Amino acid sequence: MTGYVINFNRRHKRHGHLFQNRFKSIVCEEEAYLLELTRYIHLNPLRGGIVDEWTQLPEYTWSGHAALIGKVDRDWQETDLILSLFHSNLRKAREAYERFVAEGVGMGRRPDLVGGGLLRSPGGWSQVLSQRRQNRQMASDERILGSGEFVEEVIAQADQQLKETLRLKRRRVESPSLARQVTRSVGVDLDLVLSGSRIAEAVKARKTICQIAIKKFGYSGAEVARLLGTATSSATRLANAPELPDFNYSSYAT
């Protein structure tokens, strides 16, 4: 993309990177932070001066706010979870959500929602300072938004998953051999799986191959995609889908 960046910078009389930094996602403790974080994110265009009034947020295309209040219909956007936290009736839930967002307009920036470390504990700076004065520390991680107990739980789960992945990775088979093992287990021809067939058995085999190779043995999505002749995004999507039952992943290791 170098040529595009140079051309863009020349046209707009600017310099430097046009695309930088990876997309950042964090694990959120639902009970304590989900609604506050949703409101904070959807008010970003107002804080950034992209829109002049909060009532203009539904017109801003690059936000989930419009779908939550029913202004636009997006099949791919999950809205039920957030709205269900306001009311069981859809109309009342949308009205309550919109009032909730309006109440956050005057709150300004929230370092407790975007900062790292101890700021990500209930109570913000006041709680942090109180804890420090008492020489008490809470577990913290900038990738996780929640209480110290929640952070410890998430890290423990991640550590266990990492240990299992590393254990299997040391014993993993080559991906073509893995594909043959899986297709034999499912009872479908490998060529049919690689052809992109939508037959149920072939789909199940591809999903199983992606889940074992990527999530259990540590193969990259690109490696598995090349094996299956599909897009990387398709391979990672299948890997992250709900796991199929009745599969002993260790049996596929060497």
Protein backbone atom coordinates (compact mmCIF):
# COMPACT_ATOMS: atom_id res chain seq x y z
CA MET A 1 0.00 0.00 0.00
CA THR A 2 3.03 2.30 -0.15
CA GLY A 3 2.07 3.81 -3.50
CA TYR A 4 -1.43 4.67 -2.30
CA VAL A 5 -0.11 6.29 0.88
CA ILE A 6 2.39 8.42 -1.04
CA ASN A 7 -0.31 9.54 -3.45
CA PHE A 8 -2.76 10.27 -0.63
CA ASN A 9 -0.20 12.28 1.34
CA ARG A 10 0.73 14.28 -1.75
CA ARG A 11 -2.91 15.10 -2.51
CA HIS A 12 -3.72 16.14 1.04
CA LYS A 13 -0.37 17.80 1.81
CA ARG A 14 0.37 15.50 4.73
CA HIS A 15 3.08 13.02 5.67
CA GLY A 16 3.55 9.90 7.76
CA HIS A 17 1.71 6.61 8.05
CA LEU A 18 -1.85 6.39 6.75
CA PHE A 19 -2.56 2.92 8.13
CA GLN A 20 -0.99 1.99 11.43
CA ASN A 21 -1.58 0.00 14.61
CA ARG A 22 -3.51 -3.24 14.75
CA PHE A 23 -7.16 -3.45 15.65
CA LYS A 24 -7.37 -3.59 19.44
CA SER A 25 -9.91 -5.72 21.25
CA ILE A 26 -10.25 -6.32 24.97
CA VAL A 27 -12.03 -8.82 27.17
CA CYS A 28 -14.81 -7.08 29.07
CA GLU A 29 -16.42 -8.05 32.38
CA GLU A 30 -20.04 -7.85 31.28
CA GLU A 31 -21.77 -7.01 34.55
CA ALA A 32 -19.48 -4.14 35.51
CA TYR A 33 -18.53 -2.57 32.21
CA LEU A 34 -20.51 -3.67 29.17
CA LEU A 35 -23.15 -0.92 29.12
CA GLU A 36 -20.70 1.81 30.12
CA LEU A 37 -18.27 0.71 27.42
CA THR A 38 -21.02 0.54 24.80
CA ARG A 39 -22.13 4.07 25.61
CA TYR A 40 -18.58 5.39 25.67
CA ILE A 41 -17.70 3.89 22.28
CA HIS A 42 -20.86 5.16 20.61
CA LEU A 43 -20.21 8.68 21.90
CA ASN A 44 -16.72 8.72 20.36
CA PRO A 45 -17.87 10.56 17.18
CA LEU A 46 -19.27 13.35 19.37
CA ARG A 47 -16.15 13.64 21.53
CA GLY A 48 -14.01 13.61 18.39
CA GLY A 49 -16.00 16.40 16.75
CA ILE A 50 -17.17 14.23 13.86
CA VAL A 51 -20.78 15.12 14.73
CA ASP A 52 -21.88 18.35 16.42
CA GLU A 53 -24.76 17.03 18.56
CA TRP A 54 -25.49 13.66 20.08
CA THR A 55 -28.80 13.65 18.19
CA GLN A 56 -26.75 13.38 14.97
CA LEU A 57 -25.20 10.06 16.03
CA PRO A 58 -27.85 7.98 14.18
CA GLU A 59 -26.66 9.59 10.93
CA TYR A 60 -23.04 8.54 11.51
CA THR A 61 -22.47 5.48 9.32
CA TRP A 62 -19.44 3.99 11.05
CA SER A 63 -21.09 3.22 14.37
CA GLY A 64 -23.36 0.58 15.84
CA HIS A 65 -25.56 3.18 17.52
CA ALA A 66 -27.98 3.55 14.60
CA ALA A 67 -28.73 -0.18 14.55
CA LEU A 68 -29.31 -0.29 18.29
CA ILE A 69 -32.01 2.38 18.11
CA GLY A 70 -33.57 0.82 15.00
CA LYS A 71 -32.54 3.57 12.60
CA VAL A 72 -30.89 1.09 10.24
CA ASP A 73 -31.27 -2.66 9.80
CA ARG A 74 -28.01 -4.63 9.93
CA ASP A 75 -28.42 -8.40 9.98
CA TRP A 76 -24.75 -8.85 10.84
CA GLN A 77 -24.77 -6.64 13.94
CA GLU A 78 -25.65 -8.24 17.27
CA THR A 79 -28.08 -5.90 19.07
CA ASP A 80 -30.21 -8.25 21.16
CA LEU A 81 -27.71 -8.63 24.00
CA ILE A 82 -27.33 -4.90 24.69
CA LEU A 83 -31.03 -4.11 24.29
CA SER A 84 -32.08 -7.04 26.50
CA LEU A 85 -30.25 -5.38 29.39
CA PHE A 86 -32.64 -2.41 29.21
CA HIS A 87 -36.06 -4.00 28.71
CA SER A 88 -37.73 -7.14 27.36
CA ASN A 89 -39.91 -5.00 25.05
CA LEU A 90 -37.93 -3.94 21.97
CA ARG A 91 -39.43 -0.44 21.68
CA LYS A 92 -38.94 0.31 25.38
CA ALA A 93 -35.43 -1.14 25.29
CA ARG A 94 -34.43 1.14 22.44
CA GLU A 95 -35.90 4.18 24.19
CA ALA A 96 -34.11 3.32 27.44
CA TYR A 97 -30.82 2.73 25.61
CA GLU A 98 -31.09 6.09 23.83
CA ARG A 99 -31.74 7.87 27.16
CA PHE A 100 -28.74 6.07 28.63
CA VAL A 101 -26.49 7.32 25.81
CA ALA A 102 -27.82 10.88 26.20
CA GLU A 103 -26.98 10.82 29.91
CA GLY A 104 -23.35 10.06 29.06
CA VAL A 105 -22.82 13.10 26.86
CA GLY A 106 -21.59 15.28 29.72
CA MET A 107 -19.23 12.67 31.18
CA GLY A 108 -16.38 13.45 28.77
CA ARG A 109 -13.41 11.15 28.55
CA ARG A 110 -13.34 8.11 30.82
CA PRO A 111 -9.79 6.94 31.64
CA ASP A 112 -11.25 4.07 33.63
CA LEU A 113 -12.72 2.67 30.40
CA VAL A 114 -9.80 3.19 28.05
CA GLY A 115 -6.71 3.17 30.27
CA GLY A 116 -4.70 0.13 31.23
CA GLY A 117 -3.50 -1.39 34.44
CA LEU A 118 -5.11 -0.56 37.76
CA LEU A 119 -7.43 2.00 36.16
CA ARG A 120 -9.42 -0.96 34.94
CA SER A 121 -10.86 -1.66 38.35
CA PRO A 122 -14.24 -0.53 39.71
CA GLY A 123 -14.10 3.00 41.07
CA GLY A 124 -11.57 4.56 38.70
CA TRP A 125 -8.76 6.75 40.07
CA SER A 126 -10.29 7.25 43.53
CA GLN A 127 -10.40 3.50 44.08
CA VAL A 128 -6.88 3.08 42.70
CA LEU A 129 -5.44 5.73 45.02
CA SER A 130 -7.26 4.26 47.99
CA GLN A 131 -5.86 0.83 47.20
CA ARG A 132 -2.36 2.23 46.83
CA ARG A 133 -2.50 4.10 50.15
CA GLN A 134 -3.38 0.79 51.79
CA ASN A 135 -0.56 -0.94 49.92
CA ARG A 136 -3.12 -3.21 48.29
CA GLN A 137 -2.75 -4.25 44.67
CA MET A 138 -5.23 -5.75 42.24
CA ALA A 139 -4.45 -7.99 39.31
CA SER A 140 -4.43 -5.94 36.11
CA ASP A 141 -3.89 -6.38 32.39
CA GLU A 142 -4.43 -3.71 29.73
CA ARG A 143 -6.15 -6.25 27.48
CA ILE A 144 -8.83 -6.95 30.08
CA LEU A 145 -11.50 -4.59 31.38
CA GLY A 146 -12.81 -5.74 34.74
CA SER A 147 -12.16 -6.33 38.41
CA GLY A 148 -9.00 -7.91 39.75
CA GLU A 149 -10.80 -11.20 40.31
CA PHE A 150 -12.11 -11.19 36.74
CA VAL A 151 -8.63 -10.44 35.37
CA GLU A 152 -7.13 -13.34 37.34
CA GLU A 153 -9.84 -15.70 36.08
CA VAL A 154 -9.35 -14.73 32.42
CA ILE A 155 -5.56 -14.99 32.64
CA ALA A 156 -5.81 -18.39 34.32
CA GLN A 157 -8.10 -19.66 31.55
CA ALA A 158 -5.80 -18.25 28.87
CA ASP A 159 -2.73 -19.80 30.51
CA GLN A 160 -4.41 -23.20 30.61
CA GLN A 161 -5.40 -22.94 26.94
CA LEU A 162 -1.87 -21.84 26.01
CA LYS A 163 -0.33 -24.77 27.90
CA GLU A 164 -2.67 -27.19 26.12
CA THR A 165 -1.84 -25.64 22.73
CA LEU A 166 1.91 -25.84 23.38
CA ARG A 167 1.58 -29.44 24.57
CA LEU A 168 -0.26 -30.47 21.43
CA LYS A 169 1.94 -28.33 19.18
CA ARG A 170 4.98 -30.37 20.20
CA ARG A 171 3.12 -33.51 19.11
CA ARG A 172 1.20 -32.17 16.14
CA VAL A 173 1.07 -33.95 12.82
CA GLU A 174 1.62 -32.34 9.44
CA SER A 175 -1.55 -30.60 8.25
CA PRO A 176 -2.17 -32.88 5.20
CA SER A 177 -1.93 -35.94 7.45
CA LEU A 178 -4.28 -34.28 9.94
CA ALA A 179 -6.80 -33.64 7.17
CA ARG A 180 -6.69 -37.30 6.14
CA GLN A 181 -7.20 -38.44 9.74
CA VAL A 182 -10.17 -36.14 10.21
CA THR A 183 -11.87 -37.13 6.97
CA ARG A 184 -11.48 -40.82 7.86
CA SER A 185 -13.04 -40.13 11.28
CA VAL A 186 -15.97 -38.27 9.73
CA GLY A 187 -16.35 -40.80 6.95
CA VAL A 188 -16.00 -38.47 3.96
CA ASP A 189 -13.61 -38.38 1.02
CA LEU A 190 -10.77 -35.86 1.38
CA ASP A 191 -11.12 -34.71 -2.24
CA LEU A 192 -14.75 -33.84 -1.55
CA VAL A 193 -13.70 -31.75 1.45
CA LEU A 194 -11.03 -29.92 -0.54
CA SER A 195 -13.46 -29.26 -3.40
CA GLY A 196 -15.50 -26.90 -1.21
CA SER A 197 -18.56 -29.15 -1.24
CA ARG A 198 -21.47 -27.99 0.94
CA ILE A 199 -22.49 -31.56 1.82
CA ALA A 200 -22.97 -31.75 5.59
CA GLU A 201 -20.19 -34.29 6.14
CA ALA A 202 -17.71 -32.21 4.12
CA VAL A 203 -18.60 -29.03 6.01
CA LYS A 204 -18.22 -30.87 9.32
CA ALA A 205 -14.80 -32.18 8.26
CA ARG A 206 -13.56 -28.72 7.23
CA LYS A 207 -14.78 -27.25 10.50
CA THR A 208 -13.06 -29.99 12.49
CA ILE A 209 -9.80 -29.59 10.56
CA CYS A 210 -9.82 -25.82 11.23
CA GLN A 211 -10.59 -26.22 14.92
CA ILE A 212 -7.95 -28.88 15.55
CA ALA A 213 -5.24 -27.29 13.39
CA ILE A 214 -5.69 -23.67 14.49
CA LYS A 215 -7.07 -23.81 18.02
CA LYS A 216 -5.38 -26.97 19.26
CA PHE A 217 -2.15 -27.36 17.29
CA GLY A 218 -1.34 -23.70 16.72
CA TYR A 219 -1.36 -23.62 12.92
CA SER A 220 -2.02 -20.20 11.43
CA GLY A 221 -5.29 -19.48 9.65
CA ALA A 222 -3.34 -18.86 6.45
CA GLU A 223 -1.68 -22.29 6.60
CA VAL A 224 -4.98 -24.08 7.04
CA ALA A 225 -6.64 -21.94 4.37
CA ARG A 226 -3.96 -22.97 1.86
CA LEU A 227 -4.51 -26.62 2.75
CA LEU A 228 -8.28 -26.39 2.28
CA GLY A 229 -8.16 -24.05 -0.71
CA THR A 230 -10.26 -21.40 1.03
CA ALA A 231 -9.86 -17.86 2.34
CA THR A 232 -8.01 -17.24 5.60
CA SER A 233 -11.08 -15.50 7.01
CA SER A 234 -13.17 -18.62 6.32
CA ALA A 235 -10.67 -20.88 8.06
CA THR A 236 -10.47 -18.68 11.18
CA ARG A 237 -14.27 -18.29 11.25
CA LEU A 238 -14.72 -22.07 11.26
CA ALA A 239 -12.03 -22.41 13.93
CA ASN A 240 -13.81 -19.94 16.20
CA ALA A 241 -17.28 -21.43 15.71
CA PRO A 242 -18.78 -23.50 18.56
CA GLU A 243 -16.70 -26.62 18.94
CA LEU A 244 -18.00 -29.85 17.55
CA PRO A 245 -18.71 -32.54 20.17
CA ASP A 246 -17.30 -36.05 20.42
CA PHE A 247 -13.79 -35.30 19.20
CA ASN A 248 -10.70 -36.29 21.15
CA TYR A 249 -8.18 -33.76 19.89
CA SER A 250 -5.23 -35.54 21.49
CA SER A 251 -5.88 -38.60 19.32
CA TYR A 252 -4.82 -36.59 16.27
CA ALA A 253 -1.40 -35.78 17.71
CA THR A 254 1.66 -37.88 16.93
